[in-house]
Protein backbone atom coordinates (compact mmCIF):
# COMPACT_ATOMS: atom_id res chain seq x y z
CA MET A 1 -36.11 54.23 185.34
CA LYS A 2 -38.74 51.70 186.34
CA ILE A 3 -39.56 51.35 190.05
CA ILE A 4 -41.56 48.71 191.89
CA PHE A 5 -43.32 49.83 195.06
CA ILE A 6 -44.27 46.96 197.39
CA GLY A 7 -46.97 47.69 199.97
CA GLY A 8 -49.04 50.02 197.84
CA ASN A 9 -52.27 49.14 199.65
CA GLY A 10 -50.87 49.98 203.07
CA ARG A 11 -51.29 53.31 204.90
CA PHE A 12 -48.06 54.78 203.57
CA GLY A 13 -48.47 53.13 200.17
CA LYS A 14 -51.82 54.82 199.56
CA ILE A 15 -50.33 58.21 200.43
CA PHE A 16 -47.33 57.48 198.20
CA LYS A 17 -49.62 56.80 195.25
CA LYS A 18 -51.54 60.01 195.88
CA PHE A 19 -48.65 62.43 196.39
CA SER A 20 -45.70 60.99 194.48
CA LYS A 21 -44.79 62.84 191.29
CA MET A 22 -42.28 60.20 190.25
CA LYS A 23 -43.16 58.42 187.03
CA ASN A 24 -42.92 54.82 185.86
CA ILE A 25 -43.81 53.23 189.22
CA LEU A 26 -45.55 49.87 189.45
CA TYR A 27 -47.71 48.98 192.47
CA PRO A 28 -48.32 45.23 192.28
CA ASN A 29 -50.81 43.70 194.69
CA LYS A 30 -50.15 40.59 196.79
CA LYS A 31 -51.51 38.26 194.13
CA LYS A 32 -49.04 39.51 191.53
CA PHE A 33 -46.13 40.00 193.92
CA ASN A 34 -46.03 37.83 197.03
CA ILE A 35 -43.00 38.56 199.22
CA LEU A 36 -43.32 35.12 200.83
CA ASN A 37 -43.04 33.38 197.46
CA ILE A 38 -39.62 33.46 195.80
CA ASN A 39 -41.02 32.47 192.41
CA SER A 40 -43.62 35.25 192.55
CA ILE A 41 -40.93 37.85 193.23
CA LYS A 42 -38.61 36.42 190.60
CA SER A 43 -41.19 36.24 187.80
CA PHE A 44 -42.43 39.80 188.37
CA ILE A 45 -38.93 41.25 188.37
CA ILE A 46 -37.88 39.28 185.27
CA LYS A 47 -41.00 40.48 183.44
CA ASN A 48 -40.78 44.15 184.42
CA LYS A 49 -37.01 44.69 184.78
CA PRO A 50 -37.05 47.43 187.46
CA LYS A 51 -34.00 49.41 188.54
CA ILE A 52 -35.32 50.05 192.06
CA LEU A 53 -37.64 48.23 194.45
CA ILE A 54 -39.15 50.26 197.31
CA HIS A 55 -40.06 47.87 200.11
CA ALA A 56 -42.90 49.27 202.23
CA ALA A 57 -44.73 45.97 202.69
CA GLY A 58 -44.98 43.99 205.90
CA LEU A 59 -46.72 44.11 209.25
CA SER A 60 -46.86 47.16 211.49
CA ARG A 61 -50.00 47.95 213.49
CA PRO A 62 -51.46 46.94 215.80
CA MET A 63 -48.17 46.77 217.67
CA ASN A 64 -49.33 44.01 219.99
CA VAL A 65 -49.76 41.59 217.08
CA HIS A 66 -45.96 41.27 217.03
CA GLU A 67 -46.08 40.04 220.62
CA LYS A 68 -49.11 37.79 220.18
CA ASN A 69 -48.19 36.26 216.81
CA ILE A 70 -44.44 36.18 216.30
CA ILE A 71 -44.81 33.77 213.35
CA GLN A 72 -46.75 36.37 211.37
CA SER A 73 -44.26 39.06 212.36
CA ILE A 74 -41.25 36.95 211.39
CA ASP A 75 -42.80 35.86 208.08
CA LYS A 76 -43.88 39.27 206.84
CA ASN A 77 -41.10 41.48 208.19
CA ILE A 78 -38.05 39.25 208.22
CA ILE A 79 -38.48 36.32 205.85
CA GLY A 80 -40.34 38.43 203.27
CA THR A 81 -37.54 40.99 203.31
CA CYS A 82 -34.90 38.28 203.01
CA ASN A 83 -36.68 36.90 199.95
CA LEU A 84 -36.67 40.32 198.32
CA VAL A 85 -32.97 40.82 198.99
CA LYS A 86 -32.13 37.41 197.51
CA ILE A 87 -33.88 38.11 194.22
CA CYS A 88 -32.82 41.77 194.01
CA SER A 89 -29.20 40.71 194.46
CA ILE A 90 -29.47 38.19 191.61
CA TYR A 91 -31.00 40.68 189.16
CA ARG A 92 -29.08 43.72 190.43
CA VAL A 93 -32.14 45.64 191.51
CA LYS A 94 -31.57 48.32 194.13
CA ILE A 95 -33.72 47.81 197.23
CA ILE A 96 -34.94 50.67 199.40
CA TYR A 97 -36.15 49.36 202.74
CA LEU A 98 -38.42 51.34 205.05
CA SER A 99 -37.38 50.67 208.63
CA THR A 100 -38.13 52.48 211.89
CA ASN A 101 -36.47 54.70 214.48
CA TYR A 102 -37.58 52.13 217.05
CA VAL A 103 -34.47 50.08 216.27
CA TYR A 104 -32.56 52.58 218.45
CA PRO A 105 -32.50 52.07 222.26
CA GLY A 106 -34.66 55.14 222.88
CA LYS A 107 -33.02 56.24 226.10
CA ARG A 108 -30.96 59.33 225.21
CA GLY A 109 -32.12 60.44 221.76
CA ASN A 110 -30.21 62.17 218.95
CA TYR A 111 -29.24 58.79 217.49
CA LYS A 112 -26.94 58.77 214.47
CA GLU A 113 -27.12 56.18 211.72
CA ASN A 114 -24.01 54.37 213.02
CA ASP A 115 -25.05 54.31 216.69
CA SER A 116 -25.71 51.04 218.50
CA LEU A 117 -29.14 49.48 218.08
CA LEU A 118 -31.38 47.85 220.67
CA PRO A 119 -35.09 47.45 219.82
CA PHE A 120 -37.50 47.57 222.75
CA ASN A 121 -40.39 45.61 221.24
CA ASN A 122 -40.99 42.79 218.77
CA TYR A 123 -42.08 45.12 215.99
CA ALA A 124 -38.70 46.85 216.09
CA TRP A 125 -36.88 43.51 216.31
CA SER A 126 -38.74 42.34 213.19
CA LYS A 127 -37.72 45.50 211.31
CA LEU A 128 -34.12 45.10 212.45
CA GLY A 129 -34.25 41.51 211.25
CA GLY A 130 -35.14 42.84 207.81
CA GLU A 131 -32.33 45.39 208.05
CA CYS A 132 -29.80 42.61 208.60
CA ALA A 133 -30.60 41.08 205.22
CA VAL A 134 -30.65 44.44 203.43
CA GLN A 135 -27.28 45.45 204.90
CA MET A 136 -25.68 42.37 203.33
CA TYR A 137 -26.60 43.70 199.87
CA LYS A 138 -24.55 46.77 198.98
CA ASN A 139 -26.96 48.08 196.34
CA SER A 140 -29.44 49.15 198.98
CA LEU A 141 -30.74 51.95 201.16
CA ILE A 142 -32.26 51.62 204.62
CA ILE A 143 -34.50 54.50 205.63
CA ARG A 144 -35.13 54.68 209.38
CA LEU A 145 -38.43 56.51 209.54
CA CYS A 146 -40.59 58.21 212.11
CA MET A 147 -43.85 59.07 210.35
CA THR A 148 -47.54 59.28 211.08
CA GLU A 149 -50.88 59.91 209.40
CA LYS A 150 -52.29 63.35 208.68
CA PRO A 151 -54.35 64.50 210.45
CA PHE A 152 -53.03 63.16 213.77
CA VAL A 153 -55.66 60.53 214.56
CA HIS A 154 -55.51 60.37 218.36
CA LYS A 155 -57.34 62.42 221.00
CA TYR A 156 -54.32 62.38 223.29
CA ALA A 157 -50.60 62.82 222.65
CA PHE A 158 -47.69 61.90 224.90
CA ASN A 159 -45.97 64.95 226.34
CA ASP A 160 -43.11 62.91 227.78
CA LEU A 161 -42.15 61.00 224.61
CA ILE A 162 -39.57 62.67 222.34
CA THR A 163 -39.44 61.66 218.71
CA ASN A 164 -39.23 62.95 215.09
CA PHE A 165 -42.74 62.68 213.72
CA ILE A 166 -43.29 63.72 210.12
CA PHE A 167 -46.44 63.22 208.08
CA HIS A 168 -46.61 60.52 205.41
CA GLU A 169 -47.04 62.97 202.53
CA ASP A 170 -44.00 64.96 203.60
CA VAL A 171 -41.91 61.79 203.46
CA VAL A 172 -43.19 61.12 199.93
CA LYS A 173 -41.97 64.55 198.82
CA LEU A 174 -38.44 63.69 200.01
CA PHE A 175 -38.16 60.48 198.01
CA PRO A 176 -36.77 61.89 194.72
CA LYS A 177 -33.74 63.16 196.67
CA LEU A 178 -33.24 59.81 198.42
CA LEU A 179 -33.39 57.43 195.45
CA LYS A 180 -29.70 57.60 194.57
CA LEU A 181 -28.46 57.13 198.14
CA LYS A 182 -27.05 53.92 199.56
CA GLY A 183 -26.41 52.81 203.12
CA ILE A 184 -28.58 54.10 205.96
CA ILE A 185 -30.32 57.41 206.56
CA ASN A 186 -32.55 58.75 209.34
CA VAL A 187 -35.68 60.48 208.07
CA GLY A 188 -38.08 62.45 210.21
CA GLY A 189 -39.06 65.88 211.43
CA LYS A 190 -37.98 68.14 214.26
CA SER A 191 -37.07 66.43 217.56
CA GLN A 192 -39.90 67.22 219.96
CA SER A 193 -42.57 65.63 222.12
CA VAL A 194 -45.48 63.94 220.39
CA PHE A 195 -47.76 66.48 222.05
CA ALA A 196 -45.77 69.46 220.72
CA PHE A 197 -45.94 67.97 217.22
CA ALA A 198 -49.67 67.24 217.35
CA LYS A 199 -50.58 70.56 218.99
CA ARG A 200 -49.43 72.45 215.89
CA TYR A 201 -52.19 70.82 213.85
CA ASN A 202 -54.88 70.26 216.50
CA LYS A 203 -55.26 72.91 219.19
CA ASP A 204 -57.78 70.77 221.06
CA ILE A 205 -55.53 67.77 221.54
CA LYS A 206 -54.68 66.91 225.14
CA GLY A 207 -51.25 66.08 226.49
CA ILE A 208 -50.81 62.98 228.59
CA LYS A 209 -47.98 60.97 230.15
CA HIS A 210 -47.33 57.57 228.64
CA SER A 211 -47.85 55.90 232.03
CA GLN A 212 -51.46 57.09 232.05
CA LEU A 213 -52.28 55.05 228.94
CA LEU A 214 -49.70 52.28 228.75
CA LYS A 215 -49.37 49.39 231.16
CA VAL A 216 -45.66 48.94 230.47
CA LYS A 217 -42.76 51.36 230.56
CA ILE A 218 -41.24 52.32 227.24
CA PRO A 219 -38.07 54.21 226.26
CA LEU A 220 -38.97 57.89 226.04
CA ASN A 221 -36.49 59.39 223.59
CA HIS A 222 -36.24 57.79 220.16
CA SER A 223 -35.26 61.06 218.48
CA MET A 224 -32.78 60.77 215.63
CA ASN A 225 -29.89 62.91 214.47
CA LEU A 226 -30.91 64.33 211.08
CA LYS A 227 -27.65 65.99 210.00
CA LYS A 228 -27.17 63.54 207.14
CA LEU A 229 -30.69 64.16 205.85
CA ASN A 230 -30.44 67.94 206.21
CA LYS A 231 -27.16 68.00 204.31
CA ILE A 232 -28.80 66.17 201.42
CA LEU A 233 -31.85 68.44 201.44
CA TYR A 234 -30.23 71.78 202.09
CA GLY A 235 -26.51 71.31 201.36
């Protein structure tokens, strides 16, 4: 089963290449596979005939770029995703789309896959825009992720922000069990504060309230309900 992985030069893509044990995966660069060029997508898929396309390309950090340059955000995260869905639907290629837990409102936590959505920033809106296209194509899977780099790169960690952080490489290890799924699934780790997560791996890290670092208020509980994931992993 041939798989195309888009976004192989990104943070998660590099970790995926390093830790994935799945075989027969292609990692085309932007010159060979341009998500903003329909003909580029079409020609690569016709030539390589994949069964699955994992879509990890697009724009993420820095978060403020989505506020400062909405054109770039719309192009890379919404229009690019729409282009992929169009071509995948024509050639019956399954698309796996990496989204974010930020599409949930973030006010009460424990969000299930079918709960109401309400992004709080432009990054999350751009990812939800991509989700809209993917949801129209039934041969697809949306993975709402909450992941971070290992080691935890910051000196401080929010002790009042609850989420489901999981390291990139741990997400990679889950992928073989997710490939056959369709629909939507939440993927992350234990629901806890960012500080509690980071403290396990860095005893010197300092806890801090979000208001001490951020100028704007943000929703403080984006934790997801992981029952669907746990059932798949553990039965």
